[in-house]
Amino acid sequence: MIAKKLLVILPMLLGSVSAMAMVGEVAGNTTCTTVSLTNKKVLKKTPCSFEGAIGASMVYSVQQLNFTTTSNETFSTVNNASFRFGDNAEMLDLEETISLNDKPAEVIKLDSRTLKRLTETEINTLHKKKNPDFSKVLQCFKPLKKKTAFCIPYGLIYGMS
């Protein structure tokens, strides 16, 4: 009898790992920046508001945010991923959907002072610090076939996760 109960309960417990998710609505104000990656220049920097959803579970992450500038220009960003973890805690089978205004994009991180692209190693080094300072880092959505990017403070995104 106990074995039958375990056979019923165990799959529910294992299945609930993926159900252990937190997705929440977010809204606020920040600074939106459009940059030229060719000239390494800020094209436009303006206050903006945002709203959307952000969250994660053991098998996916969701980030869908809509930004509206003071001149009513809108930017819709999507950065969703599904994945699984291997026996050694390595991420496997990563599938990402990244877009800016419904067009395929990639996420890049820039130094806000120089607009130099930061490497994954540089970002990881920042994360490992006791009190990481992300104030000089921009998270940017770069359309795949363009040399411009829409950026927001990385600290904003990091603070939401």
C-alpha atoms as a PDB file:
ATOM      1  CA  MET A   1       0.000   0.000   0.000  1.00  0.00           C
ATOM      2  CA  ILE A   2       2.815   2.445   0.866  1.00  0.00           C
ATOM      3  CA  ALA A   3       4.597   1.597  -2.401  1.00  0.00           C
ATOM      4  CA  LYS A   4       1.447   2.444  -4.399  1.00  0.00           C
ATOM      5  CA  LYS A   5       1.121   5.791  -2.615  1.00  0.00           C
ATOM      6  CA  LEU A   6       4.768   6.575  -3.363  1.00  0.00           C
ATOM      7  CA  LEU A   7       4.265   5.710  -7.020  1.00  0.00           C
ATOM      8  CA  VAL A   8       1.428   8.222  -7.153  1.00  0.00           C
ATOM      9  CA  ILE A   9       3.113  10.956  -5.083  1.00  0.00           C
ATOM     10  CA  LEU A  10       6.647  10.719  -6.515  1.00  0.00           C
ATOM     11  CA  PRO A  11       5.761  11.783 -10.092  1.00  0.00           C
ATOM     12  CA  MET A  12       3.736  14.690  -8.710  1.00  0.00           C
ATOM     13  CA  LEU A  13       6.703  15.816  -6.615  1.00  0.00           C
ATOM     14  CA  LEU A  14       9.109  15.524  -9.528  1.00  0.00           C
ATOM     15  CA  GLY A  15       6.701  17.310 -11.836  1.00  0.00           C
ATOM     16  CA  SER A  16       6.303  20.111  -9.351  1.00  0.00           C
ATOM     17  CA  VAL A  17       9.988  21.065  -9.728  1.00  0.00           C
ATOM     18  CA  SER A  18       9.144  22.773 -13.004  1.00  0.00           C
ATOM     19  CA  ALA A  19       6.059  24.237 -11.400  1.00  0.00           C
ATOM     20  CA  MET A  20       8.200  25.960  -8.760  1.00  0.00           C
ATOM     21  CA  ALA A  21       8.172  29.179 -10.680  1.00  0.00           C
ATOM     22  CA  MET A  22       7.879  32.813  -9.906  1.00  0.00           C
ATOM     23  CA  VAL A  23       6.639  35.179 -12.577  1.00  0.00           C
ATOM     24  CA  GLY A  24       5.530  38.626 -11.586  1.00  0.00           C
ATOM     25  CA  GLU A  25       4.347  41.869 -13.051  1.00  0.00           C
ATOM     26  CA  VAL A  26       6.840  44.736 -12.930  1.00  0.00           C
ATOM     27  CA  ALA A  27       6.588  48.440 -13.654  1.00  0.00           C
ATOM     28  CA  GLY A  28       8.690  51.494 -13.038  1.00  0.00           C
ATOM     29  CA  ASN A  29      10.858  54.235 -14.457  1.00  0.00           C
ATOM     30  CA  THR A  30      14.390  54.146 -15.816  1.00  0.00           C
ATOM     31  CA  THR A  31      16.574  55.604 -18.548  1.00  0.00           C
ATOM     32  CA  CYS A  32      16.377  54.310 -22.120  1.00  0.00           C
ATOM     33  CA  THR A  33      19.405  54.744 -24.355  1.00  0.00           C
ATOM     34  CA  THR A  34      19.831  54.133 -28.082  1.00  0.00           C
ATOM     35  CA  VAL A  35      23.440  53.714 -29.200  1.00  0.00           C
ATOM     36  CA  SER A  36      25.348  53.440 -32.461  1.00  0.00           C
ATOM     37  CA  LEU A  37      27.672  50.449 -32.245  1.00  0.00           C
ATOM     38  CA  THR A  38      29.575  51.610 -35.328  1.00  0.00           C
ATOM     39  CA  ASN A  39      30.465  55.071 -34.003  1.00  0.00           C
ATOM     40  CA  LYS A  40      30.286  54.103 -30.311  1.00  0.00           C
ATOM     41  CA  LYS A  41      28.032  57.091 -29.669  1.00  0.00           C
ATOM     42  CA  VAL A  42      24.847  57.655 -27.727  1.00  0.00           C
ATOM     43  CA  LEU A  43      22.130  58.552 -30.227  1.00  0.00           C
ATOM     44  CA  LYS A  44      19.381  59.213 -27.702  1.00  0.00           C
ATOM     45  CA  LYS A  45      19.150  59.048 -23.910  1.00  0.00           C
ATOM     46  CA  THR A  46      15.778  59.730 -22.329  1.00  0.00           C
ATOM     47  CA  PRO A  47      13.699  58.950 -19.254  1.00  0.00           C
ATOM     48  CA  CYS A  48      11.231  56.150 -19.867  1.00  0.00           C
ATOM     49  CA  SER A  49       8.679  54.019 -18.079  1.00  0.00           C
ATOM     50  CA  PHE A  50       8.315  50.262 -18.331  1.00  0.00           C
ATOM     51  CA  GLU A  51       5.859  47.482 -17.570  1.00  0.00           C
ATOM     52  CA  GLY A  52       5.841  43.773 -18.174  1.00  0.00           C
ATOM     53  CA  ALA A  53       6.570  40.379 -16.669  1.00  0.00           C
ATOM     54  CA  ILE A  54       9.736  38.771 -15.388  1.00  0.00           C
ATOM     55  CA  GLY A  55      10.368  35.430 -13.718  1.00  0.00           C
ATOM     56  CA  ALA A  56      11.951  32.009 -13.782  1.00  0.00           C
ATOM     57  CA  SER A  57      11.725  28.380 -12.770  1.00  0.00           C
ATOM     58  CA  MET A  58      14.127  25.463 -12.821  1.00  0.00           C
ATOM     59  CA  VAL A  59      13.579  25.071 -16.582  1.00  0.00           C
ATOM     60  CA  TYR A  60      12.831  28.494 -18.031  1.00  0.00           C
ATOM     61  CA  SER A  61      13.198  32.228 -17.613  1.00  0.00           C
ATOM     62  CA  VAL A  62      10.852  34.934 -18.847  1.00  0.00           C
ATOM     63  CA  GLN A  63      11.499  38.629 -19.397  1.00  0.00           C
ATOM     64  CA  GLN A  64       8.996  40.576 -21.462  1.00  0.00           C
ATOM     65  CA  LEU A  65       9.142  44.333 -20.957  1.00  0.00           C
ATOM     66  CA  ASN A  66       7.602  47.274 -22.781  1.00  0.00           C
ATOM     67  CA  PHE A  67       9.326  50.662 -22.522  1.00  0.00           C
ATOM     68  CA  THR A  68       7.763  54.021 -23.363  1.00  0.00           C
ATOM     69  CA  THR A  69       9.892  57.140 -23.673  1.00  0.00           C
ATOM     70  CA  THR A  70       8.746  60.646 -22.766  1.00  0.00           C
ATOM     71  CA  SER A  71       8.155  61.262 -26.495  1.00  0.00           C
ATOM     72  CA  ASN A  72       5.811  58.199 -26.592  1.00  0.00           C
ATOM     73  CA  GLU A  73       8.270  56.044 -28.537  1.00  0.00           C
ATOM     74  CA  THR A  74       7.795  52.395 -27.528  1.00  0.00           C
ATOM     75  CA  PHE A  75      10.232  49.510 -27.361  1.00  0.00           C
ATOM     76  CA  SER A  76       9.028  45.964 -26.750  1.00  0.00           C
ATOM     77  CA  THR A  77      11.685  43.529 -25.501  1.00  0.00           C
ATOM     78  CA  VAL A  78      11.542  39.754 -25.091  1.00  0.00           C
ATOM     79  CA  ASN A  79      14.281  37.651 -23.529  1.00  0.00           C
ATOM     80  CA  ASN A  80      12.876  34.170 -22.839  1.00  0.00           C
ATOM     81  CA  ALA A  81      14.787  30.920 -22.430  1.00  0.00           C
ATOM     82  CA  SER A  82      14.151  27.253 -21.743  1.00  0.00           C
ATOM     83  CA  PHE A  83      16.863  24.858 -20.603  1.00  0.00           C
ATOM     84  CA  ARG A  84      17.720  21.908 -18.398  1.00  0.00           C
ATOM     85  CA  PHE A  85      20.606  21.139 -16.103  1.00  0.00           C
ATOM     86  CA  GLY A  86      22.972  18.191 -16.516  1.00  0.00           C
ATOM     87  CA  ASP A  87      24.456  15.979 -13.821  1.00  0.00           C
ATOM     88  CA  ASN A  88      27.270  18.457 -13.155  1.00  0.00           C
ATOM     89  CA  ALA A  89      24.895  21.457 -12.934  1.00  0.00           C
ATOM     90  CA  GLU A  90      25.844  22.604 -16.452  1.00  0.00           C
ATOM     91  CA  MET A  91      23.094  24.215 -18.522  1.00  0.00           C
ATOM     92  CA  LEU A  92      21.990  22.066 -21.465  1.00  0.00           C
ATOM     93  CA  ASP A  93      19.559  22.430 -24.367  1.00  0.00           C
ATOM     94  CA  LEU A  94      19.363  26.211 -24.107  1.00  0.00           C
ATOM     95  CA  GLU A  95      16.697  27.634 -26.414  1.00  0.00           C
ATOM     96  CA  GLU A  96      16.315  31.407 -26.410  1.00  0.00           C
ATOM     97  CA  THR A  97      13.823  33.811 -27.905  1.00  0.00           C
ATOM     98  CA  ILE A  98      15.200  37.342 -27.962  1.00  0.00           C
ATOM     99  CA  SER A  99      13.532  40.188 -29.801  1.00  0.00           C
ATOM    100  CA  LEU A 100      13.218  43.949 -29.988  1.00  0.00           C
ATOM    101  CA  ASN A 101       9.906  45.222 -31.365  1.00  0.00           C
ATOM    102  CA  ASP A 102       9.087  41.699 -32.603  1.00  0.00           C
ATOM    103  CA  LYS A 103      12.312  41.443 -34.651  1.00  0.00           C
ATOM    104  CA  PRO A 104      15.063  38.907 -33.806  1.00  0.00           C
ATOM    105  CA  ALA A 105      17.763  40.413 -31.616  1.00  0.00           C
ATOM    106  CA  GLU A 106      20.631  39.511 -29.345  1.00  0.00           C
ATOM    107  CA  VAL A 107      21.367  40.726 -25.830  1.00  0.00           C
ATOM    108  CA  ILE A 108      24.723  42.423 -25.384  1.00  0.00           C
ATOM    109  CA  LYS A 109      26.223  44.268 -22.454  1.00  0.00           C
ATOM    110  CA  LEU A 110      28.127  47.525 -22.882  1.00  0.00           C
ATOM    111  CA  ASP A 111      30.289  49.713 -20.671  1.00  0.00           C
ATOM    112  CA  SER A 112      28.166  52.872 -20.462  1.00  0.00           C
ATOM    113  CA  ARG A 113      31.240  55.147 -20.456  1.00  0.00           C
ATOM    114  CA  THR A 114      32.967  53.770 -23.578  1.00  0.00           C
ATOM    115  CA  LEU A 115      30.154  51.759 -25.227  1.00  0.00           C
ATOM    116  CA  LYS A 116      32.678  48.915 -25.477  1.00  0.00           C
ATOM    117  CA  ARG A 117      31.091  45.474 -25.554  1.00  0.00           C
ATOM    118  CA  LEU A 118      31.700  43.571 -22.313  1.00  0.00           C
ATOM    119  CA  THR A 119      32.663  39.911 -22.467  1.00  0.00           C
ATOM    120  CA  GLU A 120      30.916  37.182 -20.527  1.00  0.00           C
ATOM    121  CA  THR A 121      34.097  36.840 -18.441  1.00  0.00           C
ATOM    122  CA  GLU A 122      33.975  40.544 -17.513  1.00  0.00           C
ATOM    123  CA  ILE A 123      30.313  40.266 -16.490  1.00  0.00           C
ATOM    124  CA  ASN A 124      30.990  37.085 -14.483  1.00  0.00           C
ATOM    125  CA  THR A 125      33.875  38.836 -12.689  1.00  0.00           C
ATOM    126  CA  LEU A 126      31.492  41.638 -11.694  1.00  0.00           C
ATOM    127  CA  HIS A 127      28.939  39.106 -10.411  1.00  0.00           C
ATOM    128  CA  LYS A 128      31.553  37.404  -8.214  1.00  0.00           C
ATOM    129  CA  LYS A 129      32.348  40.579  -6.273  1.00  0.00           C
ATOM    130  CA  LYS A 130      30.957  40.870  -2.758  1.00  0.00           C
ATOM    131  CA  ASN A 131      29.123  44.083  -3.665  1.00  0.00           C
ATOM    132  CA  PRO A 132      28.922  44.171  -7.468  1.00  0.00           C
ATOM    133  CA  ASP A 133      28.523  47.614  -9.033  1.00  0.00           C
ATOM    134  CA  PHE A 134      26.526  47.423 -12.240  1.00  0.00           C
ATOM    135  CA  SER A 135      25.993  51.186 -12.517  1.00  0.00           C
ATOM    136  CA  LYS A 136      28.289  51.437 -15.557  1.00  0.00           C
ATOM    137  CA  VAL A 137      26.784  48.466 -17.423  1.00  0.00           C
ATOM    138  CA  LEU A 138      24.051  48.681 -20.051  1.00  0.00           C
ATOM    139  CA  GLN A 139      21.981  45.691 -21.141  1.00  0.00           C
ATOM    140  CA  CYS A 140      21.190  46.189 -24.799  1.00  0.00           C
ATOM    141  CA  PHE A 141      18.894  44.584 -27.331  1.00  0.00           C
ATOM    142  CA  LYS A 142      20.674  44.655 -30.676  1.00  0.00           C
ATOM    143  CA  PRO A 143      18.617  43.750 -33.748  1.00  0.00           C
ATOM    144  CA  LEU A 144      20.505  41.035 -35.657  1.00  0.00           C
ATOM    145  CA  LYS A 145      20.982  43.037 -38.850  1.00  0.00           C
ATOM    146  CA  LYS A 146      21.516  46.514 -37.402  1.00  0.00           C
ATOM    147  CA  LYS A 147      24.414  48.456 -35.921  1.00  0.00           C
ATOM    148  CA  THR A 148      22.324  50.192 -33.281  1.00  0.00           C
ATOM    149  CA  ALA A 149      21.016  48.925 -29.961  1.00  0.00           C
ATOM    150  CA  PHE A 150      18.320  49.801 -27.429  1.00  0.00           C
ATOM    151  CA  CYS A 151      19.773  49.815 -23.917  1.00  0.00           C
ATOM    152  CA  ILE A 152      18.635  49.967 -20.318  1.00  0.00           C
ATOM    153  CA  PRO A 153      20.666  49.875 -17.103  1.00  0.00           C
ATOM    154  CA  TYR A 154      21.832  46.307 -16.388  1.00  0.00           C
ATOM    155  CA  GLY A 155      21.312  46.939 -12.676  1.00  0.00           C
ATOM    156  CA  LEU A 156      17.587  47.320 -13.344  1.00  0.00           C
ATOM    157  CA  ILE A 157      17.343  43.853 -14.890  1.00  0.00           C
ATOM    158  CA  TYR A 158      19.700  42.282 -12.351  1.00  0.00           C
ATOM    159  CA  GLY A 159      17.656  43.772  -9.515  1.00  0.00           C
ATOM    160  CA  MET A 160      14.455  42.209 -10.867  1.00  0.00           C
ATOM    161  CA  SER A 161      15.830  38.673 -11.171  1.00  0.00           C
END
